[in-house]
């Protein structure tokens, strides 16, 4: 009998505490339970988390400006065409060549021919500049030159506005500037003046 009374008292105590929780949840007041409660109810595995409501405001809309070139925006009346650089055409097979081709008028081809060379000592000789390629340069020859550097000339080139005279092995004999008819410059080793005239 005591056991049944104890069970009944326990059930009544539980019912009272549940009723207190329910009445507190729905706005009523109930005595506080000393046991700690979790801050938020646990989220079930299948239940999405709660979402806060966003504040609402007024929405305004305006028509978009017409695109450029449509005729109604003042930017032009034709279609918009983007500048796309054209790709250079590529030959099907590479062209093998021994040396670059002579340039047009006023370039390398303007200097092809025979010249009389005069050095600072007053001696003169003949130098010929050919349009025939010699590896990366062009063939040249000299005749009757007392100056050893001029006597050994075998090639020439024109680049960056200067005529270069070369010896075998690629060493520079002289550098000259001027028009196709007359050139003035210096010997590379000594720095002595040199002129070429047709």
N, C-alpha and C. Protein backbone atom coordinates (compact mmCIF):
# COMPACT_ATOMS: atom_id res chain seq x y z
N UNK A 1 0.82 -1.19 0.00
CA UNK A 1 0.00 0.00 0.00
C UNK A 1 0.86 1.24 0.00
N UNK A 2 1.91 1.22 0.81
CA UNK A 2 2.84 2.34 0.83
C UNK A 2 3.52 2.49 -0.52
N UNK A 3 3.79 1.37 -1.12
CA UNK A 3 4.47 1.40 -2.41
C UNK A 3 3.57 2.05 -3.45
N UNK A 4 2.29 1.72 -3.44
CA UNK A 4 1.36 2.31 -4.39
C UNK A 4 1.20 3.79 -4.13
N UNK A 5 1.18 4.19 -2.87
CA UNK A 5 1.07 5.61 -2.54
C UNK A 5 2.31 6.36 -3.01
N UNK A 6 3.49 5.78 -2.90
CA UNK A 6 4.73 6.41 -3.34
C UNK A 6 4.74 6.60 -4.85
N UNK A 7 4.25 5.57 -5.55
CA UNK A 7 4.20 5.68 -6.99
C UNK A 7 3.21 6.75 -7.43
N UNK A 8 2.09 6.81 -6.75
CA UNK A 8 1.07 7.80 -7.07
C UNK A 8 1.58 9.19 -6.80
N UNK A 9 2.28 9.37 -5.71
CA UNK A 9 2.84 10.68 -5.37
C UNK A 9 3.88 11.10 -6.42
N UNK A 10 4.65 10.15 -6.86
CA UNK A 10 5.66 10.43 -7.87
C UNK A 10 5.00 10.84 -9.19
N UNK A 11 3.95 10.15 -9.57
CA UNK A 11 3.24 10.47 -10.80
C UNK A 11 2.62 11.85 -10.70
N UNK A 12 2.03 12.18 -9.54
CA UNK A 12 1.43 13.49 -9.35
C UNK A 12 2.49 14.59 -9.41
N UNK A 13 3.65 14.33 -8.85
CA UNK A 13 4.72 15.33 -8.87
C UNK A 13 5.19 15.57 -10.30
N UNK A 14 5.31 14.50 -11.05
CA UNK A 14 5.71 14.65 -12.45
C UNK A 14 4.64 15.39 -13.25
N UNK A 15 3.41 15.06 -13.03
CA UNK A 15 2.32 15.73 -13.75
C UNK A 15 2.29 17.21 -13.41
N UNK A 16 2.54 17.54 -12.15
CA UNK A 16 2.53 18.95 -11.74
C UNK A 16 3.68 19.70 -12.40
N UNK A 17 4.86 19.07 -12.47
CA UNK A 17 5.99 19.77 -13.09
C UNK A 17 5.77 19.93 -14.60
N UNK A 18 5.17 18.91 -15.23
CA UNK A 18 4.85 19.05 -16.64
C UNK A 18 3.80 20.12 -16.87
N UNK A 19 2.83 20.18 -16.01
CA UNK A 19 1.80 21.20 -16.15
C UNK A 19 2.40 22.58 -15.96
N UNK A 20 3.37 22.71 -15.07
CA UNK A 20 4.04 24.00 -14.85
C UNK A 20 4.84 24.41 -16.08
N UNK A 21 5.52 23.44 -16.70
CA UNK A 21 6.28 23.76 -17.91
C UNK A 21 5.35 24.19 -19.02
N UNK A 22 4.24 23.47 -19.15
CA UNK A 22 3.31 23.80 -20.22
C UNK A 22 2.67 25.15 -19.98
N UNK A 23 2.31 25.46 -18.75
CA UNK A 23 1.67 26.74 -18.49
C UNK A 23 2.66 27.89 -18.68
N UNK A 24 3.97 27.65 -18.37
CA UNK A 24 4.99 28.69 -18.58
C UNK A 24 5.21 28.92 -20.07
N UNK A 25 5.15 27.86 -20.83
CA UNK A 25 5.37 27.97 -22.27
C UNK A 25 4.25 28.75 -22.94
N UNK A 26 3.05 28.62 -22.46
CA UNK A 26 1.90 29.30 -23.05
C UNK A 26 1.53 30.57 -22.33
N UNK A 27 2.46 31.18 -21.65
CA UNK A 27 2.22 32.49 -21.05
C UNK A 27 1.85 32.46 -19.59
N UNK A 28 1.64 31.33 -19.00
CA UNK A 28 1.31 31.27 -17.58
C UNK A 28 2.55 31.34 -16.74
N UNK A 29 2.38 31.41 -15.45
CA UNK A 29 3.52 31.43 -14.54
C UNK A 29 3.53 30.14 -13.78
N UNK A 30 4.68 29.63 -13.58
CA UNK A 30 4.83 28.38 -12.85
C UNK A 30 6.08 28.49 -12.02
N UNK A 31 6.17 27.73 -10.99
CA UNK A 31 7.38 27.77 -10.18
C UNK A 31 8.58 27.32 -10.98
N UNK A 32 9.72 27.97 -10.76
CA UNK A 32 10.96 27.64 -11.46
C UNK A 32 11.51 26.31 -10.96
N UNK A 33 11.99 25.53 -11.91
CA UNK A 33 12.60 24.25 -11.57
C UNK A 33 14.10 24.50 -11.43
N UNK A 34 14.69 23.94 -10.46
CA UNK A 34 16.10 24.18 -10.16
C UNK A 34 17.02 23.58 -11.23
N UNK A 35 16.56 22.59 -11.95
CA UNK A 35 17.42 21.95 -12.95
C UNK A 35 17.64 22.90 -14.13
N UNK A 36 18.84 22.87 -14.73
CA UNK A 36 19.19 23.74 -15.85
C UNK A 36 18.48 23.25 -17.11
N UNK A 37 18.02 24.23 -17.92
CA UNK A 37 17.36 23.90 -19.18
C UNK A 37 18.28 24.29 -20.34
N UNK A 38 18.20 23.61 -21.44
CA UNK A 38 19.00 24.03 -22.61
C UNK A 38 18.49 25.36 -23.15
N UNK A 39 19.40 26.15 -23.78
CA UNK A 39 19.06 27.48 -24.29
C UNK A 39 18.06 27.40 -25.43
N UNK A 40 18.16 26.41 -26.27
CA UNK A 40 17.23 26.26 -27.39
C UNK A 40 16.86 24.80 -27.49
N UNK A 41 15.67 24.54 -27.96
CA UNK A 41 15.28 23.13 -28.09
C UNK A 41 16.16 22.47 -29.13
N UNK A 42 16.51 21.22 -28.92
CA UNK A 42 17.35 20.53 -29.89
C UNK A 42 16.63 20.38 -31.22
N UNK A 43 17.39 20.48 -32.31
CA UNK A 43 16.84 20.37 -33.66
C UNK A 43 16.85 18.91 -34.05
N UNK A 44 15.73 18.47 -34.54
CA UNK A 44 15.63 17.09 -34.99
C UNK A 44 16.44 16.93 -36.28
N UNK A 45 16.82 15.72 -36.60
CA UNK A 45 17.63 15.47 -37.79
C UNK A 45 16.89 15.83 -39.08
N UNK A 46 15.60 15.62 -39.13
CA UNK A 46 14.84 15.89 -40.35
C UNK A 46 14.24 17.28 -40.38
N UNK A 47 14.38 18.03 -39.31
CA UNK A 47 13.74 19.34 -39.20
C UNK A 47 14.73 20.44 -39.59
N UNK A 48 14.37 21.36 -40.50
CA UNK A 48 15.29 22.45 -40.88
C UNK A 48 15.45 23.44 -39.74
N UNK A 49 16.59 24.16 -39.68
CA UNK A 49 16.79 25.14 -38.61
C UNK A 49 15.82 26.31 -38.79
N UNK A 50 15.49 26.99 -37.67
CA UNK A 50 14.56 28.11 -37.77
C UNK A 50 15.16 29.25 -38.58
N UNK A 51 14.32 29.99 -39.32
CA UNK A 51 14.74 31.09 -40.17
C UNK A 51 14.15 32.37 -39.62
N UNK A 52 15.03 33.41 -39.51
CA UNK A 52 14.54 34.69 -39.02
C UNK A 52 13.85 35.43 -40.16
N UNK A 53 12.81 36.17 -39.82
CA UNK A 53 12.08 36.93 -40.82
C UNK A 53 12.90 38.15 -41.21
N UNK A 54 12.94 38.45 -42.52
CA UNK A 54 13.65 39.62 -43.02
C UNK A 54 12.74 40.83 -42.99
N UNK A 55 13.29 42.01 -42.70
CA UNK A 55 12.43 43.20 -42.72
C UNK A 55 12.00 43.51 -44.15
N UNK A 56 10.79 43.93 -44.31
CA UNK A 56 10.29 44.25 -45.64
C UNK A 56 10.38 45.74 -45.86
N UNK A 57 10.53 46.14 -47.12
CA UNK A 57 10.62 47.55 -47.48
C UNK A 57 9.99 47.77 -48.83
N UNK A 58 10.02 49.01 -49.29
CA UNK A 58 9.42 49.29 -50.59
C UNK A 58 10.42 48.99 -51.70
N UNK A 59 9.92 48.50 -52.82
CA UNK A 59 10.74 48.15 -53.97
C UNK A 59 10.35 49.07 -55.11
N UNK A 60 11.36 49.71 -55.72
CA UNK A 60 11.10 50.58 -56.86
C UNK A 60 11.75 49.98 -58.08
N UNK A 61 11.21 50.26 -59.25
CA UNK A 61 11.79 49.75 -60.48
C UNK A 61 11.80 50.85 -61.52
N UNK A 62 12.84 50.81 -62.38
CA UNK A 62 12.97 51.77 -63.47
C UNK A 62 13.35 51.00 -64.72
N UNK A 63 12.96 51.48 -65.89
CA UNK A 63 13.37 50.79 -67.12
C UNK A 63 14.87 50.96 -67.35
N UNK A 64 15.48 49.95 -67.94
CA UNK A 64 16.92 50.01 -68.25
C UNK A 64 17.16 50.95 -69.41
N UNK A 65 18.35 51.57 -69.41
CA UNK A 65 18.73 52.44 -70.52
C UNK A 65 18.95 51.59 -71.76
N UNK A 66 18.65 52.11 -72.96
CA UNK A 66 18.87 51.31 -74.16
C UNK A 66 20.35 51.07 -74.37
N UNK A 67 20.72 49.94 -74.98
CA UNK A 67 22.14 49.65 -75.21
C UNK A 67 22.73 50.61 -76.22
N UNK A 68 24.05 50.84 -76.15
CA UNK A 68 24.68 51.73 -77.12
C UNK A 68 24.50 51.20 -78.54
N UNK A 69 24.23 52.13 -79.46
CA UNK A 69 24.08 51.74 -80.86
C UNK A 69 22.68 51.32 -81.23
N UNK A 70 21.73 51.39 -80.28
CA UNK A 70 20.38 50.95 -80.61
C UNK A 70 19.57 52.03 -81.29
N UNK A 71 20.10 53.26 -81.37
CA UNK A 71 19.41 54.32 -82.07
C UNK A 71 18.59 55.19 -81.14
N UNK A 72 18.22 54.73 -79.95
CA UNK A 72 17.39 55.53 -79.06
C UNK A 72 18.16 56.07 -77.88
N UNK A 73 19.44 55.75 -77.77
CA UNK A 73 20.20 56.21 -76.61
C UNK A 73 21.14 57.33 -76.93
N UNK A 74 21.24 57.76 -78.19
CA UNK A 74 22.13 58.86 -78.53
C UNK A 74 23.57 58.45 -78.70
N UNK A 75 23.87 57.15 -78.67
CA UNK A 75 25.25 56.70 -78.80
C UNK A 75 25.61 56.34 -80.22
N UNK A 76 24.69 56.31 -81.14
CA UNK A 76 24.95 55.89 -82.51
C UNK A 76 23.75 55.13 -83.01
N UNK A 77 23.74 54.85 -84.27
CA UNK A 77 22.57 54.19 -84.81
C UNK A 77 22.87 52.84 -85.43
N UNK A 78 24.06 52.37 -85.33
CA UNK A 78 24.41 51.10 -85.94
C UNK A 78 24.68 50.05 -84.89
N UNK A 79 24.88 48.82 -85.32
CA UNK A 79 25.22 47.77 -84.35
C UNK A 79 26.61 47.98 -83.77
N UNK A 80 26.79 47.49 -82.55
CA UNK A 80 28.09 47.62 -81.89
C UNK A 80 29.00 46.54 -82.43
N UNK A 81 30.16 46.94 -82.93
CA UNK A 81 31.12 46.00 -83.48
C UNK A 81 32.40 46.13 -82.69
N UNK A 82 32.86 45.03 -82.11
CA UNK A 82 34.10 45.06 -81.33
C UNK A 82 35.28 44.96 -82.27
N UNK A 83 36.36 45.68 -81.93
CA UNK A 83 37.59 45.61 -82.71
C UNK A 83 38.32 44.33 -82.37
N UNK A 84 38.38 43.42 -83.29
CA UNK A 84 39.08 42.16 -83.10
C UNK A 84 40.26 42.15 -84.05
N UNK A 85 41.49 42.04 -83.51
CA UNK A 85 42.64 42.04 -84.41
C UNK A 85 42.63 40.80 -85.30
N UNK A 86 42.98 41.00 -86.55
CA UNK A 86 43.02 39.86 -87.46
C UNK A 86 44.30 39.09 -87.24
N UNK A 87 44.18 37.79 -87.33
CA UNK A 87 45.34 36.91 -87.14
C UNK A 87 46.12 36.84 -88.44
N UNK A 88 47.44 36.92 -88.38
CA UNK A 88 48.23 36.80 -89.61
C UNK A 88 48.14 35.39 -90.17
N UNK A 89 48.17 35.30 -91.47
CA UNK A 89 48.12 33.98 -92.08
C UNK A 89 49.47 33.30 -91.92
N UNK A 90 49.41 32.02 -91.68
CA UNK A 90 50.63 31.22 -91.46
C UNK A 90 50.84 30.34 -92.68
N UNK A 91 52.05 30.37 -93.26
CA UNK A 91 52.27 29.50 -94.42
C UNK A 91 52.17 28.04 -94.03
N UNK A 92 51.75 27.21 -94.99
CA UNK A 92 51.57 25.78 -94.71
C UNK A 92 52.91 25.12 -94.40
N UNK A 93 53.97 25.50 -95.09
CA UNK A 93 55.29 24.92 -94.85
C UNK A 93 56.28 26.05 -94.61
N UNK A 94 57.18 25.90 -93.62
CA UNK A 94 58.16 26.96 -93.40
C UNK A 94 59.10 27.10 -94.58
N UNK A 95 59.45 28.34 -94.88
CA UNK A 95 60.34 28.62 -96.00
C UNK A 95 61.76 28.72 -95.47
N UNK A 96 62.66 27.89 -95.99
CA UNK A 96 64.05 27.92 -95.55
C UNK A 96 64.80 28.96 -96.37
N UNK A 97 65.58 29.79 -95.68
CA UNK A 97 66.40 30.77 -96.39
C UNK A 97 67.70 30.97 -95.63
N UNK A 98 68.73 31.25 -96.37
CA UNK A 98 70.06 31.38 -95.77
C UNK A 98 70.25 32.70 -95.08
N UNK A 99 69.64 33.76 -95.60
CA UNK A 99 69.82 35.09 -95.01
C UNK A 99 68.57 35.90 -95.28
N UNK A 100 68.34 36.96 -94.50
CA UNK A 100 67.17 37.79 -94.77
C UNK A 100 67.28 38.46 -96.13
N UNK A 101 66.12 38.65 -96.76
CA UNK A 101 66.11 39.28 -98.09
C UNK A 101 66.49 40.75 -97.97
N UNK A 102 67.11 41.32 -98.98
CA UNK A 102 67.45 42.74 -98.92
C UNK A 102 66.21 43.59 -98.75
N UNK A 103 66.32 44.64 -97.93
CA UNK A 103 65.17 45.50 -97.69
C UNK A 103 64.96 46.42 -98.87
N UNK A 104 63.81 47.11 -98.86
CA UNK A 104 63.41 47.96 -99.98
C UNK A 104 64.26 49.21 -100.09
N UNK A 105 63.75 50.16 -100.89
CA UNK A 105 64.48 51.40 -101.16
C UNK A 105 64.80 52.12 -99.87
N UNK A 106 66.01 52.62 -99.73
CA UNK A 106 66.45 53.32 -98.53
C UNK A 106 66.97 52.36 -97.48
N UNK A 107 66.83 51.05 -97.70
CA UNK A 107 67.31 50.06 -96.75
C UNK A 107 68.63 49.48 -97.22
N UNK A 108 68.81 48.19 -96.95
CA UNK A 108 70.06 47.50 -97.27
C UNK A 108 70.37 47.56 -98.76
N UNK A 109 69.35 47.41 -99.62
CA UNK A 109 69.62 47.35 -101.06
C UNK A 109 70.18 48.66 -101.61
N UNK A 110 69.96 49.78 -100.90
CA UNK A 110 70.49 51.07 -101.36
C UNK A 110 72.01 51.13 -101.26
N UNK A 111 72.63 50.23 -100.50
CA UNK A 111 74.08 50.27 -100.28
C UNK A 111 74.83 49.24 -101.13
N UNK A 112 74.13 48.41 -101.88
CA UNK A 112 74.79 47.42 -102.73
C UNK A 112 75.53 48.14 -103.86
N UNK A 113 76.80 47.75 -104.06
CA UNK A 113 77.59 48.35 -105.13
C UNK A 113 79.06 48.43 -104.77
N UNK A 114 79.86 49.11 -105.64
CA UNK A 114 81.31 49.26 -105.43
C UNK A 114 81.62 50.66 -104.95
N UNK A 115 82.58 50.75 -104.02
CA UNK A 115 82.96 52.03 -103.41
C UNK A 115 84.48 52.18 -103.45
N UNK A 116 84.92 53.45 -103.41
CA UNK A 116 86.33 53.76 -103.18
C UNK A 116 86.45 54.13 -101.70
N UNK A 117 87.30 53.38 -101.00
CA UNK A 117 87.49 53.62 -99.57
C UNK A 117 88.72 54.47 -99.36
N UNK A 118 88.64 55.47 -98.47
CA UNK A 118 89.78 56.31 -98.11
C UNK A 118 89.90 56.31 -96.59
N UNK A 119 91.12 56.00 -96.11
CA UNK A 119 91.34 56.01 -94.67
C UNK A 119 92.05 57.29 -94.26
N UNK A 120 92.38 57.43 -92.96
CA UNK A 120 92.97 58.67 -92.44
C UNK A 120 94.37 58.91 -93.00
N UNK A 121 95.09 57.85 -93.39
CA UNK A 121 96.43 58.00 -93.94
C UNK A 121 96.41 58.47 -95.40
N UNK A 122 95.23 58.52 -96.00
CA UNK A 122 95.10 58.99 -97.37
C UNK A 122 95.16 57.90 -98.40
N UNK A 123 95.36 56.64 -97.99
CA UNK A 123 95.40 55.54 -98.95
C UNK A 123 93.96 55.17 -99.35
N UNK A 124 93.85 54.63 -100.54
CA UNK A 124 92.52 54.26 -101.03
C UNK A 124 92.54 52.86 -101.61
N UNK A 125 91.36 52.23 -101.65
CA UNK A 125 91.19 50.89 -102.23
C UNK A 125 89.73 50.72 -102.62
N UNK A 126 89.41 49.58 -103.22
CA UNK A 126 88.05 49.31 -103.67
C UNK A 126 87.38 48.31 -102.72
N UNK A 127 86.12 48.62 -102.37
CA UNK A 127 85.30 47.72 -101.53
C UNK A 127 83.98 47.52 -102.26
N UNK A 128 83.59 46.27 -102.42
CA UNK A 128 82.33 45.93 -103.08
C UNK A 128 81.38 45.28 -102.07
N UNK A 129 80.14 45.77 -102.03
CA UNK A 129 79.09 45.22 -101.17
C UNK A 129 78.07 44.52 -102.07
N UNK A 130 77.90 43.22 -101.89
CA UNK A 130 77.05 42.40 -102.76
C UNK A 130 75.69 42.15 -102.11
N UNK A 131 74.73 41.77 -102.93
CA UNK A 131 73.41 41.40 -102.42
C UNK A 131 73.30 39.89 -102.21
N UNK A 132 74.39 39.14 -102.46
CA UNK A 132 74.38 37.69 -102.27
C UNK A 132 74.51 37.36 -100.79
N UNK A 133 73.64 36.51 -100.27
CA UNK A 133 73.71 36.18 -98.85
C UNK A 133 74.92 35.34 -98.50
N UNK A 134 75.42 35.56 -97.29
CA UNK A 134 76.52 34.78 -96.72
C UNK A 134 76.15 34.50 -95.26
N UNK A 135 75.50 33.36 -95.03
CA UNK A 135 74.93 33.01 -93.73
C UNK A 135 73.94 34.10 -93.32
N UNK A 136 74.16 34.77 -92.19
CA UNK A 136 73.23 35.81 -91.74
C UNK A 136 73.58 37.18 -92.29
N UNK A 137 74.65 37.27 -93.07
CA UNK A 137 75.12 38.56 -93.59
C UNK A 137 75.07 38.53 -95.12
N UNK A 138 75.78 39.48 -95.74
CA UNK A 138 75.89 39.54 -97.20
C UNK A 138 77.35 39.61 -97.58
N UNK A 139 77.66 39.09 -98.77
CA UNK A 139 79.05 39.00 -99.20
C UNK A 139 79.61 40.39 -99.51
N UNK A 140 80.90 40.55 -99.18
CA UNK A 140 81.64 41.78 -99.48
C UNK A 140 83.06 41.38 -99.87
N UNK A 141 83.74 42.27 -100.59
CA UNK A 141 85.13 41.99 -100.97
C UNK A 141 85.90 43.30 -101.03
N UNK A 142 87.22 43.19 -100.95
CA UNK A 142 88.08 44.38 -101.04
C UNK A 142 89.22 44.08 -102.00
N UNK A 143 89.78 45.15 -102.58
CA UNK A 143 90.91 44.99 -103.52
C UNK A 143 91.85 46.17 -103.37
N UNK A 144 93.15 45.87 -103.18
CA UNK A 144 94.19 46.90 -103.11
C UNK A 144 94.22 47.68 -101.81
N UNK A 145 93.66 47.16 -100.74
CA UNK A 145 93.65 47.89 -99.46
C UNK A 145 94.94 47.61 -98.70
N UNK A 146 95.67 48.72 -98.30
CA UNK A 146 96.88 48.57 -97.50
C UNK A 146 96.54 48.32 -96.04
N UNK A 147 95.42 48.85 -95.58
CA UNK A 147 94.98 48.62 -94.20
C UNK A 147 94.55 47.15 -94.07
N UNK A 148 95.15 46.45 -93.10
CA UNK A 148 94.87 45.02 -92.94
C UNK A 148 93.40 44.76 -92.63
N UNK A 149 92.79 45.60 -91.81
CA UNK A 149 91.38 45.39 -91.45
C UNK A 149 90.47 45.52 -92.67
N UNK A 150 90.77 46.48 -93.56
CA UNK A 150 89.96 46.63 -94.77
C UNK A 150 90.27 45.52 -95.78
N UNK A 151 91.52 45.08 -95.82
CA UNK A 151 91.92 44.04 -96.76
C UNK A 151 91.28 42.69 -96.44
N UNK A 152 90.80 42.49 -95.24
CA UNK A 152 90.22 41.20 -94.84
C UNK A 152 88.69 41.19 -94.86
N UNK A 153 88.05 42.21 -95.38
CA UNK A 153 86.59 42.27 -95.38
C UNK A 153 86.00 41.17 -96.26
N UNK A 154 85.03 40.41 -95.70
CA UNK A 154 84.37 39.33 -96.46
C UNK A 154 82.84 39.42 -96.40
N UNK A 155 82.30 40.24 -95.51
CA UNK A 155 80.84 40.32 -95.37
C UNK A 155 80.44 41.71 -94.90
N UNK A 156 79.16 42.00 -95.04
CA UNK A 156 78.63 43.29 -94.59
C UNK A 156 77.15 43.13 -94.19
N UNK A 157 76.63 44.14 -93.51
CA UNK A 157 75.21 44.16 -93.14
C UNK A 157 74.80 45.59 -92.86
N UNK A 158 73.50 45.83 -92.94
CA UNK A 158 72.94 47.15 -92.63
C UNK A 158 71.88 46.95 -91.56
N UNK A 159 72.08 47.59 -90.41
CA UNK A 159 71.08 47.51 -89.34
C UNK A 159 71.15 48.75 -88.47
N UNK A 160 69.98 49.19 -88.02
CA UNK A 160 69.84 50.37 -87.17
C UNK A 160 70.53 51.59 -87.76
N UNK A 161 70.44 51.74 -89.09
CA UNK A 161 70.97 52.92 -89.76
C UNK A 161 72.46 52.91 -90.00
N UNK A 162 73.14 51.79 -89.74
CA UNK A 162 74.60 51.74 -89.93
C UNK A 162 74.97 50.57 -90.83
N UNK A 163 76.04 50.78 -91.60
CA UNK A 163 76.63 49.72 -92.42
C UNK A 163 77.80 49.15 -91.63
N UNK A 164 77.80 47.82 -91.45
CA UNK A 164 78.88 47.12 -90.73
C UNK A 164 79.68 46.31 -91.74
N UNK A 165 81.01 46.44 -91.71
CA UNK A 165 81.91 45.64 -92.55
C UNK A 165 82.57 44.61 -91.64
N UNK A 166 82.53 43.31 -92.06
CA UNK A 166 83.00 42.21 -91.21
C UNK A 166 84.19 41.49 -91.82
N UNK A 167 85.03 40.97 -90.93
CA UNK A 167 86.14 40.09 -91.29
C UNK A 167 85.69 38.64 -91.07
N UNK A 168 86.47 37.66 -91.57
CA UNK A 168 86.12 36.26 -91.29
C UNK A 168 86.08 36.02 -89.78
N UNK A 169 85.12 35.25 -89.34
CA UNK A 169 84.96 35.00 -87.91
C UNK A 169 83.95 35.93 -87.26
N UNK A 170 83.49 36.97 -87.98
CA UNK A 170 82.45 37.84 -87.46
C UNK A 170 82.91 39.09 -86.75
N UNK A 171 84.23 39.36 -86.70
CA UNK A 171 84.68 40.60 -86.05
C UNK A 171 84.43 41.79 -86.98
N UNK A 172 84.05 42.92 -86.38
CA UNK A 172 83.69 44.12 -87.15
C UNK A 172 84.97 44.86 -87.55
N UNK A 173 85.08 45.18 -88.84
CA UNK A 173 86.21 45.98 -89.33
C UNK A 173 85.90 47.46 -89.26
N UNK A 174 84.67 47.84 -89.63
CA UNK A 174 84.31 49.27 -89.66
C UNK A 174 82.81 49.43 -89.53
N UNK A 175 82.42 50.63 -89.07
CA UNK A 175 81.01 51.02 -88.98
C UNK A 175 80.86 52.36 -89.66
N UNK A 176 79.86 52.48 -90.54
CA UNK A 176 79.68 53.71 -91.33
C UNK A 176 78.21 54.11 -91.37
N UNK A 177 77.97 55.41 -91.57
CA UNK A 177 76.62 55.96 -91.73
C UNK A 177 76.61 56.85 -92.96
N UNK A 178 75.41 57.05 -93.51
CA UNK A 178 75.27 57.96 -94.63
C UNK A 178 74.27 57.46 -95.63
N UNK A 179 74.27 58.08 -96.81
CA UNK A 179 73.37 57.67 -97.89
C UNK A 179 74.04 56.57 -98.70
N UNK A 180 73.33 56.05 -99.71
CA UNK A 180 73.89 54.99 -100.52
C UNK A 180 75.10 55.43 -101.33
N UNK A 181 75.23 56.72 -101.63
CA UNK A 181 76.34 57.18 -102.47
C UNK A 181 77.59 57.49 -101.68
N UNK A 182 77.47 57.88 -100.42
CA UNK A 182 78.65 58.25 -99.63
C UNK A 182 78.41 57.88 -98.17
N UNK A 183 79.41 57.21 -97.60
CA UNK A 183 79.35 56.75 -96.21
C UNK A 183 80.55 57.27 -95.46
N UNK A 184 80.37 57.58 -94.19
CA UNK A 184 81.48 58.03 -93.34
C UNK A 184 81.37 57.30 -92.01
N UNK A 185 82.55 56.90 -91.47
CA UNK A 185 82.55 56.20 -90.20
C UNK A 185 83.95 56.03 -89.68
N UNK A 186 84.16 54.95 -88.92
CA UNK A 186 85.47 54.70 -88.29
C UNK A 186 85.84 53.23 -88.43
N UNK A 187 87.16 53.00 -88.38
CA UNK A 187 87.65 51.63 -88.29
C UNK A 187 87.43 51.15 -86.85
N UNK A 188 86.99 49.92 -86.69
CA UNK A 188 86.60 49.43 -85.37
C UNK A 188 87.76 49.35 -84.39
N UNK A 189 88.93 48.86 -84.81
CA UNK A 189 90.04 48.67 -83.87
C UNK A 189 90.70 49.99 -83.50
N UNK A 190 91.00 50.81 -84.49
CA UNK A 190 91.76 52.04 -84.22
C UNK A 190 90.89 53.26 -83.98
N UNK A 191 89.66 53.24 -84.48
CA UNK A 191 88.82 54.44 -84.37
C UNK A 191 89.17 55.50 -85.39
N UNK A 192 90.08 55.17 -86.35
CA UNK A 192 90.48 56.14 -87.38
C UNK A 192 89.33 56.34 -88.35
N UNK A 193 89.17 57.56 -88.88
CA UNK A 193 88.07 57.82 -89.81
C UNK A 193 88.24 57.08 -91.12
N UNK A 194 87.08 56.77 -91.73
CA UNK A 194 87.03 56.04 -92.98
C UNK A 194 85.84 56.56 -93.77
N UNK A 195 86.02 56.74 -95.08
CA UNK A 195 84.91 57.14 -95.95
C UNK A 195 84.82 56.19 -97.13
N UNK A 196 83.57 55.97 -97.57
CA UNK A 196 83.32 55.19 -98.78
C UNK A 196 82.52 56.07 -99.72
N UNK A 197 82.95 56.13 -100.97
CA UNK A 197 82.24 56.93 -101.97
C UNK A 197 82.14 56.14 -103.26
N UNK A 198 81.04 56.28 -103.99
CA UNK A 198 80.88 55.55 -105.26
C UNK A 198 81.66 56.23 -106.36
